[in-house]
Structure formats: structure tokens, C-alpha cells
């Protein structure tokens, strides 16, 4: 297995273990805004998938500037991921049906008719992220060791060794 393939496997495992991303877009006034969004199951055609309401302001942001950042943080392990990429908006019904999860109903509510939060709800809109670069920290240390490193750093003033920061970019994302 190549180094790139190993990094991609680590990345997939990290993201699968952290279901909520902070999804950052640029507003029309140039300011950045982040909001929590649940990462959907992995499928071809995109590195990350999200679902949103067709009336969401983030879609206006993406039409103006499709560059996004999705960040993940695991409080227990202190592992994190930062994915920078380009977003595309899709209302592809076939893809929505493939990705659909029953818990989506909680976020869309039943407004009557087809607006019932089900897979045919016209409000369901997908956001596909094609990653340009990824920075992440993966550690293989048990939680008590990580906590010890943080405590030791607080007491001694030394930098805690909680994991190694890695990057994936360019051609590595094509593997």
C-alpha cells in the first residue's frame, strides 16, 4: 500500500469517527461563516457529501464562491481534520435516494404534501465537496497517554506530543 493510500484510509477512518463537520463558506460581504453539518455516507462523485434545505443561505454563499472548508475535531482523541475544496450543488433525485437516511426527517419537518422530509422532498439538496487539500492529525496513542501528555505540557511548559500532523494534496487525492 502506498503512503498516499494509507493517508486516505486514515482520513476516511477519522471522518467516519467524527460525524459532524464545521462547514465554512464565504458570505456575500466577504466574511466567513461556519455551521455544523452531518457528513453523509461516502460515495463516488465527491470526497464529502452533505444535505441541506434548498432555501438555506449557505447555497447562496456557494453560488457566489464555491470554495469551502470542512473541519472535524474529536474531543476524546484530540484528532482533527481540515478539508479545503470546492463545493457543487446537486438536486439529483437518484443520488438523494442513494444517500437518504431516515434521520433527515428531523431536520426538514413535515410541511405537508411532498414536503415531508422523505427522499422525494423537493427541499432536499446535496452539497458535494471535491477536496483540494487536507491537513489532519491522527494519533495511535491510548487516551490516558494523550491526557498525560497534555497535563505534562501544562506543568512543564513543554509542547505535548499528541500526534503527527499530515497533509494530503494534489495527486494524492486522486488515488
N, C-alpha and C. Protein backbone atom coordinates (compact mmCIF):
# COMPACT_ATOMS: atom_id res chain seq x y z
N UNK A 1 0.85 -1.18 0.00
CA UNK A 1 0.00 0.00 0.00
C UNK A 1 0.89 1.25 0.00
N UNK A 2 0.58 2.18 -0.88
CA UNK A 2 1.38 3.40 -0.97
C UNK A 2 1.11 4.32 0.22
N UNK A 3 2.01 5.27 0.43
CA UNK A 3 1.83 6.25 1.50
C UNK A 3 0.54 7.03 1.28
N UNK A 4 0.26 7.40 0.04
CA UNK A 4 -0.96 8.15 -0.28
C UNK A 4 -2.20 7.33 0.08
N UNK A 5 -2.21 6.05 -0.26
CA UNK A 5 -3.36 5.20 0.05
C UNK A 5 -3.54 5.08 1.56
N UNK A 6 -2.43 4.96 2.30
CA UNK A 6 -2.51 4.86 3.76
C UNK A 6 -3.10 6.14 4.35
N UNK A 7 -2.65 7.30 3.84
CA UNK A 7 -3.18 8.57 4.32
C UNK A 7 -4.68 8.67 4.04
N UNK A 8 -5.11 8.24 2.85
CA UNK A 8 -6.53 8.31 2.51
C UNK A 8 -7.36 7.39 3.40
N UNK A 9 -6.81 6.22 3.74
CA UNK A 9 -7.51 5.32 4.67
C UNK A 9 -7.61 5.94 6.06
N UNK A 10 -6.51 6.56 6.52
CA UNK A 10 -6.53 7.25 7.82
C UNK A 10 -7.58 8.35 7.81
N UNK A 11 -7.61 9.12 6.73
CA UNK A 11 -8.57 10.21 6.60
C UNK A 11 -10.00 9.69 6.66
N UNK A 12 -10.29 8.65 5.90
CA UNK A 12 -11.64 8.07 5.91
C UNK A 12 -12.03 7.61 7.32
N UNK A 13 -11.10 6.96 8.01
CA UNK A 13 -11.39 6.47 9.36
C UNK A 13 -11.64 7.63 10.32
N UNK A 14 -10.86 8.70 10.21
CA UNK A 14 -11.05 9.86 11.07
C UNK A 14 -12.41 10.50 10.84
N UNK A 15 -12.75 10.72 9.58
CA UNK A 15 -14.03 11.37 9.27
C UNK A 15 -15.20 10.49 9.67
N UNK A 16 -15.08 9.17 9.45
CA UNK A 16 -16.17 8.26 9.85
C UNK A 16 -16.39 8.30 11.36
N UNK A 17 -15.33 8.58 12.13
CA UNK A 17 -15.45 8.63 13.58
C UNK A 17 -15.93 9.97 14.12
N UNK A 18 -16.04 10.97 13.26
CA UNK A 18 -16.48 12.31 13.66
C UNK A 18 -17.61 12.70 12.70
N UNK A 19 -18.83 12.50 13.11
CA UNK A 19 -19.92 12.65 12.14
C UNK A 19 -20.30 14.09 11.79
N UNK A 20 -19.91 15.06 12.61
CA UNK A 20 -20.31 16.43 12.34
C UNK A 20 -19.10 17.28 11.94
N UNK A 21 -19.26 17.99 10.85
CA UNK A 21 -18.22 18.89 10.37
C UNK A 21 -18.66 20.32 10.62
N UNK A 22 -17.69 21.20 10.83
CA UNK A 22 -17.97 22.64 10.78
C UNK A 22 -17.72 23.03 9.33
N UNK A 23 -18.79 23.40 8.65
CA UNK A 23 -18.80 23.66 7.21
C UNK A 23 -18.69 25.18 7.02
N UNK A 24 -17.59 25.64 6.42
CA UNK A 24 -17.31 27.07 6.32
C UNK A 24 -17.42 27.55 4.87
N UNK A 25 -18.20 28.62 4.69
CA UNK A 25 -18.36 29.27 3.39
C UNK A 25 -18.04 30.75 3.54
N UNK A 26 -17.95 31.43 2.39
CA UNK A 26 -17.74 32.88 2.39
C UNK A 26 -19.06 33.55 2.04
N UNK A 27 -19.50 34.49 2.88
CA UNK A 27 -20.74 35.23 2.64
C UNK A 27 -20.53 36.29 1.57
N UNK A 28 -21.62 36.89 1.11
CA UNK A 28 -21.55 37.92 0.07
C UNK A 28 -20.74 39.14 0.51
N UNK A 29 -20.66 39.38 1.84
CA UNK A 29 -19.89 40.54 2.32
C UNK A 29 -18.41 40.20 2.54
N UNK A 30 -18.01 38.99 2.17
CA UNK A 30 -16.62 38.58 2.29
C UNK A 30 -16.27 37.87 3.59
N UNK A 31 -17.13 37.94 4.59
CA UNK A 31 -16.87 37.28 5.86
C UNK A 31 -17.11 35.78 5.76
N UNK A 32 -16.40 35.04 6.59
CA UNK A 32 -16.57 33.60 6.64
C UNK A 32 -17.64 33.25 7.67
N UNK A 33 -18.38 32.18 7.39
CA UNK A 33 -19.37 31.69 8.34
C UNK A 33 -19.29 30.17 8.36
N UNK A 34 -19.35 29.61 9.59
CA UNK A 34 -19.31 28.15 9.76
C UNK A 34 -20.59 27.69 10.43
N UNK A 35 -21.00 26.50 10.07
CA UNK A 35 -22.16 25.90 10.70
C UNK A 35 -21.96 24.39 10.75
N UNK A 36 -22.51 23.73 11.79
CA UNK A 36 -22.35 22.27 11.89
C UNK A 36 -23.23 21.57 10.86
N UNK A 37 -22.64 20.59 10.21
CA UNK A 37 -23.39 19.77 9.25
C UNK A 37 -22.93 18.32 9.38
N UNK A 38 -23.85 17.40 9.23
CA UNK A 38 -23.53 15.97 9.31
C UNK A 38 -22.99 15.49 7.97
N UNK A 39 -21.85 14.84 8.01
CA UNK A 39 -21.27 14.24 6.81
C UNK A 39 -22.09 12.99 6.47
N UNK A 40 -22.46 12.86 5.22
CA UNK A 40 -23.24 11.71 4.78
C UNK A 40 -22.32 10.57 4.39
N UNK A 41 -22.91 9.39 4.17
CA UNK A 41 -22.08 8.23 3.82
C UNK A 41 -21.26 8.51 2.57
N UNK A 42 -20.11 7.84 2.51
CA UNK A 42 -19.18 8.07 1.41
C UNK A 42 -19.68 7.39 0.14
N UNK A 43 -19.62 8.12 -0.96
CA UNK A 43 -19.99 7.58 -2.27
C UNK A 43 -19.08 8.20 -3.32
N UNK A 44 -19.04 7.59 -4.47
CA UNK A 44 -18.25 8.14 -5.57
C UNK A 44 -18.85 9.48 -6.00
N UNK A 45 -18.13 10.21 -6.80
CA UNK A 45 -18.52 11.51 -7.36
C UNK A 45 -18.14 12.67 -6.46
N UNK A 46 -17.76 12.44 -5.20
CA UNK A 46 -17.38 13.53 -4.31
C UNK A 46 -16.58 12.96 -3.15
N UNK A 47 -15.74 13.81 -2.56
CA UNK A 47 -14.99 13.38 -1.39
C UNK A 47 -15.86 13.42 -0.14
N UNK A 48 -16.74 14.42 -0.06
CA UNK A 48 -17.66 14.56 1.07
C UNK A 48 -19.04 14.92 0.53
N UNK A 49 -20.07 14.44 1.21
CA UNK A 49 -21.46 14.76 0.85
C UNK A 49 -22.16 15.35 2.07
N UNK A 50 -22.98 16.36 1.82
CA UNK A 50 -23.83 16.95 2.85
C UNK A 50 -25.22 17.15 2.26
N UNK A 51 -26.23 17.23 3.12
CA UNK A 51 -27.58 17.53 2.67
C UNK A 51 -28.04 18.80 3.37
N UNK A 52 -28.80 19.61 2.64
CA UNK A 52 -29.30 20.86 3.20
C UNK A 52 -30.65 21.19 2.59
N UNK A 53 -31.30 22.20 3.13
CA UNK A 53 -32.57 22.69 2.63
C UNK A 53 -32.32 23.59 1.42
N UNK A 54 -33.16 23.48 0.42
CA UNK A 54 -32.99 24.28 -0.81
C UNK A 54 -33.07 25.78 -0.55
N UNK A 55 -33.62 26.20 0.59
CA UNK A 55 -33.71 27.62 0.93
C UNK A 55 -32.57 28.10 1.83
N UNK A 56 -31.61 27.23 2.13
CA UNK A 56 -30.53 27.59 3.06
C UNK A 56 -29.63 28.67 2.48
N UNK A 57 -29.23 29.60 3.34
CA UNK A 57 -28.34 30.69 2.93
C UNK A 57 -26.99 30.19 2.43
N UNK A 58 -26.55 29.04 2.93
CA UNK A 58 -25.24 28.53 2.50
C UNK A 58 -25.22 28.27 1.00
N UNK A 59 -26.37 27.98 0.41
CA UNK A 59 -26.41 27.75 -1.04
C UNK A 59 -26.13 29.05 -1.80
N UNK A 60 -26.64 30.16 -1.27
CA UNK A 60 -26.32 31.47 -1.87
C UNK A 60 -24.82 31.74 -1.77
N UNK A 61 -24.25 31.41 -0.59
CA UNK A 61 -22.80 31.57 -0.40
C UNK A 61 -22.03 30.77 -1.45
N UNK A 62 -22.45 29.52 -1.67
CA UNK A 62 -21.74 28.64 -2.59
C UNK A 62 -21.87 29.08 -4.05
N UNK A 63 -23.00 29.68 -4.39
CA UNK A 63 -23.15 30.19 -5.76
C UNK A 63 -22.20 31.35 -6.01
N UNK A 64 -21.95 32.14 -4.97
CA UNK A 64 -21.03 33.27 -5.10
C UNK A 64 -19.57 32.81 -5.08
N UNK A 65 -19.25 31.88 -4.16
CA UNK A 65 -17.88 31.38 -4.02
C UNK A 65 -17.96 29.92 -3.57
N UNK A 66 -17.66 28.98 -4.45
CA UNK A 66 -17.80 27.56 -4.11
C UNK A 66 -16.67 26.99 -3.24
N UNK A 67 -15.67 27.80 -2.90
CA UNK A 67 -14.56 27.31 -2.07
C UNK A 67 -15.02 27.18 -0.62
N UNK A 68 -14.78 26.01 -0.04
CA UNK A 68 -15.24 25.73 1.32
C UNK A 68 -14.13 25.09 2.14
N UNK A 69 -14.36 25.03 3.45
CA UNK A 69 -13.53 24.27 4.35
C UNK A 69 -14.46 23.49 5.26
N UNK A 70 -14.14 22.23 5.47
CA UNK A 70 -14.89 21.38 6.40
C UNK A 70 -13.89 20.91 7.45
N UNK A 71 -14.16 21.23 8.71
CA UNK A 71 -13.24 20.83 9.77
C UNK A 71 -13.94 19.91 10.75
N UNK A 72 -13.17 18.97 11.26
CA UNK A 72 -13.66 17.95 12.19
C UNK A 72 -12.71 17.91 13.39
N UNK A 73 -13.28 17.67 14.58
CA UNK A 73 -12.45 17.55 15.78
C UNK A 73 -13.03 16.48 16.69
N UNK A 74 -12.19 15.56 17.12
CA UNK A 74 -12.59 14.51 18.04
C UNK A 74 -12.04 14.86 19.42
N UNK A 75 -12.92 15.26 20.31
CA UNK A 75 -12.52 15.72 21.64
C UNK A 75 -11.80 14.63 22.44
N UNK A 76 -12.25 13.39 22.30
CA UNK A 76 -11.65 12.31 23.08
C UNK A 76 -10.22 12.00 22.68
N UNK A 77 -9.97 11.94 21.38
CA UNK A 77 -8.65 11.54 20.91
C UNK A 77 -7.76 12.73 20.55
N UNK A 78 -8.34 13.92 20.47
CA UNK A 78 -7.64 15.14 20.06
C UNK A 78 -7.24 15.09 18.57
N UNK A 79 -7.85 14.19 17.82
CA UNK A 79 -7.59 14.10 16.40
C UNK A 79 -8.46 15.12 15.67
N UNK A 80 -7.97 15.60 14.53
CA UNK A 80 -8.73 16.59 13.76
C UNK A 80 -8.43 16.47 12.28
N UNK A 81 -9.35 17.03 11.48
CA UNK A 81 -9.22 17.03 10.03
C UNK A 81 -9.68 18.38 9.51
N UNK A 82 -8.97 18.93 8.53
CA UNK A 82 -9.36 20.15 7.84
C UNK A 82 -9.32 19.86 6.34
N UNK A 83 -10.49 19.92 5.69
CA UNK A 83 -10.60 19.64 4.26
C UNK A 83 -10.94 20.93 3.54
N UNK A 84 -10.09 21.35 2.60
CA UNK A 84 -10.38 22.52 1.76
C UNK A 84 -10.72 22.00 0.38
N UNK A 85 -11.77 22.57 -0.21
CA UNK A 85 -12.17 22.11 -1.53
C UNK A 85 -13.18 23.00 -2.18
N UNK A 86 -13.79 22.47 -3.22
CA UNK A 86 -14.79 23.19 -4.00
C UNK A 86 -16.10 22.43 -3.90
N UNK A 87 -17.17 23.18 -3.64
CA UNK A 87 -18.50 22.60 -3.48
C UNK A 87 -19.30 22.69 -4.77
N UNK A 88 -20.10 21.68 -5.00
CA UNK A 88 -21.09 21.70 -6.08
C UNK A 88 -22.44 21.39 -5.47
N UNK A 89 -23.46 22.01 -5.99
CA UNK A 89 -24.83 21.81 -5.52
C UNK A 89 -25.52 20.83 -6.46
N UNK A 90 -26.24 19.87 -5.88
CA UNK A 90 -26.94 18.88 -6.71
C UNK A 90 -28.35 18.64 -6.15
N UNK A 91 -29.27 18.51 -7.07
CA UNK A 91 -30.63 18.12 -6.71
C UNK A 91 -30.99 16.80 -7.41
N UNK A 92 -29.97 16.02 -7.71
CA UNK A 92 -30.11 14.75 -8.40
C UNK A 92 -30.91 13.78 -7.52
N UNK A 93 -32.14 13.46 -7.96
CA UNK A 93 -33.04 12.61 -7.16
C UNK A 93 -32.48 11.21 -6.95
N UNK A 94 -31.80 10.68 -7.96
CA UNK A 94 -31.22 9.34 -7.82
C UNK A 94 -30.16 9.34 -6.71
N UNK A 95 -29.30 10.35 -6.70
CA UNK A 95 -28.25 10.45 -5.68
C UNK A 95 -28.87 10.70 -4.30
N UNK A 96 -29.90 11.54 -4.25
CA UNK A 96 -30.58 11.78 -2.97
C UNK A 96 -31.13 10.47 -2.42
N UNK A 97 -31.75 9.66 -3.28
CA UNK A 97 -32.29 8.36 -2.83
C UNK A 97 -31.16 7.45 -2.35
N UNK A 98 -30.00 7.47 -3.02
CA UNK A 98 -28.88 6.63 -2.60
C UNK A 98 -28.35 7.04 -1.24
N UNK A 99 -28.32 8.33 -0.97
CA UNK A 99 -27.75 8.83 0.28
C UNK A 99 -28.76 8.94 1.42
N UNK A 100 -30.04 8.93 1.11
CA UNK A 100 -31.08 9.24 2.08
C UNK A 100 -30.99 8.38 3.35
N UNK A 101 -31.17 9.06 4.48
CA UNK A 101 -31.23 8.41 5.79
C UNK A 101 -32.52 8.89 6.48
N UNK A 102 -33.21 8.00 7.19
CA UNK A 102 -34.46 8.39 7.85
C UNK A 102 -34.33 9.56 8.82
N UNK A 103 -33.14 9.77 9.41
CA UNK A 103 -32.99 10.87 10.36
C UNK A 103 -33.03 12.24 9.69
N UNK A 104 -33.00 12.30 8.37
CA UNK A 104 -33.13 13.58 7.68
C UNK A 104 -34.47 14.23 8.00
N UNK A 105 -35.50 13.40 8.25
CA UNK A 105 -36.84 13.93 8.55
C UNK A 105 -36.81 14.90 9.73
N UNK A 106 -35.93 14.64 10.69
CA UNK A 106 -35.85 15.51 11.87
C UNK A 106 -35.45 16.93 11.49
N UNK A 107 -34.68 17.08 10.43
CA UNK A 107 -34.15 18.39 10.04
C UNK A 107 -35.01 19.10 9.01
N UNK A 108 -35.93 18.39 8.40
CA UNK A 108 -36.76 19.01 7.37
C UNK A 108 -38.21 19.19 7.78
N UNK A 109 -38.68 18.38 8.69
CA UNK A 109 -40.04 18.54 9.18
C UNK A 109 -41.09 18.24 8.11
N UNK A 110 -42.29 17.98 8.57
CA UNK A 110 -43.40 17.67 7.66
C UNK A 110 -44.24 18.92 7.47
N UNK A 111 -44.15 19.49 6.28
CA UNK A 111 -44.94 20.69 5.94
C UNK A 111 -46.13 20.33 5.06
N UNK A 112 -46.37 19.04 4.91
CA UNK A 112 -47.49 18.57 4.10
C UNK A 112 -47.08 18.29 2.66
N UNK A 113 -47.88 17.46 2.00
CA UNK A 113 -47.59 17.08 0.63
C UNK A 113 -46.24 16.38 0.54
N UNK A 114 -45.51 16.70 -0.52
CA UNK A 114 -44.19 16.08 -0.70
C UNK A 114 -43.15 16.64 0.26
N UNK A 115 -43.44 17.75 0.91
CA UNK A 115 -42.51 18.35 1.87
C UNK A 115 -42.66 17.65 3.23
N UNK A 116 -42.29 16.35 3.22
CA UNK A 116 -42.45 15.53 4.42
C UNK A 116 -41.12 15.05 5.01
N UNK A 117 -40.00 15.54 4.46
CA UNK A 117 -38.69 15.10 4.94
C UNK A 117 -38.26 13.76 4.37
N UNK A 118 -39.08 13.18 3.51
CA UNK A 118 -38.74 11.90 2.89
C UNK A 118 -37.83 12.09 1.69
N UNK A 119 -37.43 10.99 1.06
CA UNK A 119 -36.46 11.08 -0.03
C UNK A 119 -36.94 11.84 -1.27
N UNK A 120 -38.24 12.05 -1.40
CA UNK A 120 -38.77 12.80 -2.55
C UNK A 120 -39.11 14.24 -2.20
N UNK A 121 -38.74 14.68 -1.01
CA UNK A 121 -38.99 16.05 -0.58
C UNK A 121 -38.23 17.01 -1.51
N UNK A 122 -38.92 17.97 -2.13
CA UNK A 122 -38.24 18.88 -3.07
C UNK A 122 -37.23 19.82 -2.40
N UNK A 123 -37.26 19.93 -1.08
CA UNK A 123 -36.30 20.78 -0.37
C UNK A 123 -34.92 20.16 -0.26
N UNK A 124 -34.82 18.84 -0.38
CA UNK A 124 -33.55 18.14 -0.19
C UNK A 124 -32.57 18.53 -1.29
N UNK A 125 -31.44 19.05 -0.87
CA UNK A 125 -30.39 19.50 -1.78
C UNK A 125 -29.06 18.96 -1.28
N UNK A 126 -28.29 18.39 -2.18
CA UNK A 126 -26.98 17.84 -1.82
C UNK A 126 -25.88 18.85 -2.09
N UNK A 127 -24.88 18.81 -1.24
CA UNK A 127 -23.66 19.58 -1.46
C UNK A 127 -22.54 18.55 -1.56
N UNK A 128 -21.84 18.56 -2.68
CA UNK A 128 -20.73 17.65 -2.93
C UNK A 128 -19.44 18.45 -2.78
N UNK A 129 -18.51 17.92 -2.04
CA UNK A 129 -17.22 18.60 -1.86
C UNK A 129 -16.14 17.78 -2.55
N UNK A 130 -15.43 18.43 -3.45
CA UNK A 130 -14.26 17.83 -4.08
C UNK A 130 -13.03 18.46 -3.41
N UNK A 131 -12.31 17.66 -2.64
CA UNK A 131 -11.19 18.16 -1.84
C UNK A 131 -10.00 18.55 -2.70
N UNK A 132 -9.42 19.70 -2.36
CA UNK A 132 -8.18 20.16 -2.99
C UNK A 132 -6.99 19.83 -2.09
N UNK A 133 -7.17 19.98 -0.79
CA UNK A 133 -6.10 19.66 0.16
C UNK A 133 -6.71 19.29 1.50
N UNK A 134 -5.95 18.48 2.23
CA UNK A 134 -6.39 18.00 3.53
C UNK A 134 -5.20 18.08 4.49
N UNK A 135 -5.45 18.60 5.68
CA UNK A 135 -4.47 18.58 6.76
C UNK A 135 -5.16 17.88 7.92
N UNK A 136 -4.47 16.94 8.56
CA UNK A 136 -5.10 16.21 9.65
C UNK A 136 -4.07 15.73 10.66
N UNK A 137 -4.57 15.40 11.85
CA UNK A 137 -3.71 14.81 12.86
C UNK A 137 -4.35 13.52 13.34
N UNK A 138 -3.61 12.46 13.18
CA UNK A 138 -4.03 11.12 13.60
C UNK A 138 -3.06 10.68 14.68
N UNK A 139 -3.58 10.10 15.73
CA UNK A 139 -2.67 9.54 16.73
C UNK A 139 -3.06 8.11 17.03
N UNK A 140 -2.09 7.34 17.44
CA UNK A 140 -2.32 5.93 17.76
C UNK A 140 -2.09 5.67 19.24
N UNK A 141 -2.12 6.73 20.02
CA UNK A 141 -1.87 6.60 21.45
C UNK A 141 -3.19 6.42 22.20
N UNK A 142 -3.16 5.64 23.28
CA UNK A 142 -4.36 5.50 24.09
C UNK A 142 -4.73 6.84 24.75
N UNK A 143 -5.98 7.03 25.03
CA UNK A 143 -6.47 8.28 25.60
C UNK A 143 -5.73 8.68 26.88
N UNK A 144 -5.45 7.75 27.81
CA UNK A 144 -4.72 8.16 29.02
C UNK A 144 -3.34 8.75 28.70
N UNK A 145 -2.66 8.24 27.67
CA UNK A 145 -1.35 8.76 27.29
C UNK A 145 -1.49 10.19 26.76
N UNK A 146 -2.53 10.42 25.96
CA UNK A 146 -2.77 11.76 25.42
C UNK A 146 -3.05 12.73 26.56
N UNK A 147 -3.91 12.32 27.49
CA UNK A 147 -4.22 13.19 28.63
C UNK A 147 -2.96 13.46 29.45
N UNK A 148 -2.10 12.44 29.63
CA UNK A 148 -0.85 12.62 30.34
C UNK A 148 0.04 13.63 29.63
N UNK A 149 0.13 13.54 28.31
CA UNK A 149 0.95 14.46 27.53
C UNK A 149 0.45 15.91 27.70
N UNK A 150 -0.87 16.09 27.68
CA UNK A 150 -1.44 17.44 27.85
C UNK A 150 -1.15 17.95 29.26
N UNK A 151 -1.38 17.12 30.27
CA UNK A 151 -1.11 17.51 31.66
C UNK A 151 0.37 17.83 31.86
N UNK A 152 1.25 16.98 31.32
CA UNK A 152 2.69 17.19 31.43
C UNK A 152 3.08 18.53 30.78
N UNK A 153 2.48 18.82 29.63
CA UNK A 153 2.76 20.09 28.96
C UNK A 153 2.32 21.28 29.80
N UNK A 154 1.18 21.15 30.47
CA UNK A 154 0.69 22.24 31.32
C UNK A 154 1.64 22.49 32.49
N UNK A 155 2.16 21.41 33.06
CA UNK A 155 3.02 21.52 34.23
C UNK A 155 4.44 21.96 33.87
N UNK A 156 4.99 21.37 32.80
CA UNK A 156 6.39 21.62 32.45
C UNK A 156 6.59 22.76 31.44
N UNK A 157 5.53 23.11 30.75
CA UNK A 157 5.66 24.13 29.70
C UNK A 157 6.15 23.55 28.39
N UNK A 158 6.34 22.23 28.33
CA UNK A 158 6.77 21.59 27.08
C UNK A 158 5.55 21.30 26.21
N UNK A 159 5.76 21.26 24.91
CA UNK A 159 4.68 21.00 23.97
C UNK A 159 4.27 19.53 24.06
N UNK A 160 2.98 19.24 24.25
CA UNK A 160 2.55 17.84 24.34
C UNK A 160 2.67 17.13 23.00
N UNK A 161 3.09 15.88 23.04
CA UNK A 161 3.20 15.05 21.84
C UNK A 161 1.92 14.22 21.74
N UNK A 162 0.90 14.78 21.06
CA UNK A 162 -0.38 14.07 20.97
C UNK A 162 -0.62 13.46 19.60
N UNK A 163 0.22 13.71 18.64
CA UNK A 163 0.06 13.10 17.32
C UNK A 163 0.84 13.84 16.26
N UNK A 164 0.85 13.26 15.06
CA UNK A 164 1.60 13.82 13.95
C UNK A 164 0.65 14.47 12.95
N UNK A 165 0.96 15.71 12.56
CA UNK A 165 0.16 16.42 11.56
C UNK A 165 0.62 15.94 10.18
N UNK A 166 -0.36 15.59 9.33
CA UNK A 166 -0.08 15.08 7.98
C UNK A 166 -0.88 15.90 6.98
N UNK A 167 -0.42 15.88 5.75
CA UNK A 167 -1.14 16.59 4.68
C UNK A 167 -1.37 15.65 3.51
N UNK A 168 -2.47 15.90 2.80
CA UNK A 168 -2.77 15.20 1.57
C UNK A 168 -3.13 16.29 0.56
N UNK A 169 -2.51 16.27 -0.58
CA UNK A 169 -2.82 17.29 -1.57
C UNK A 169 -2.57 16.82 -2.97
N UNK A 170 -3.02 17.64 -3.90
CA UNK A 170 -2.76 17.38 -5.32
C UNK A 170 -3.14 15.99 -5.76
N UNK A 171 -2.17 15.32 -6.38
CA UNK A 171 -2.40 13.99 -6.95
C UNK A 171 -2.72 12.92 -5.93
N UNK A 172 -2.33 13.12 -4.67
CA UNK A 172 -2.63 12.11 -3.65
C UNK A 172 -4.13 11.92 -3.47
N UNK A 173 -4.90 12.96 -3.69
CA UNK A 173 -6.35 12.87 -3.52
C UNK A 173 -7.01 12.13 -4.67
N UNK A 174 -6.27 11.86 -5.72
CA UNK A 174 -6.82 11.16 -6.88
C UNK A 174 -6.70 9.66 -6.76
N UNK A 175 -5.97 9.15 -5.75
CA UNK A 175 -5.78 7.70 -5.60
C UNK A 175 -7.09 7.00 -5.34
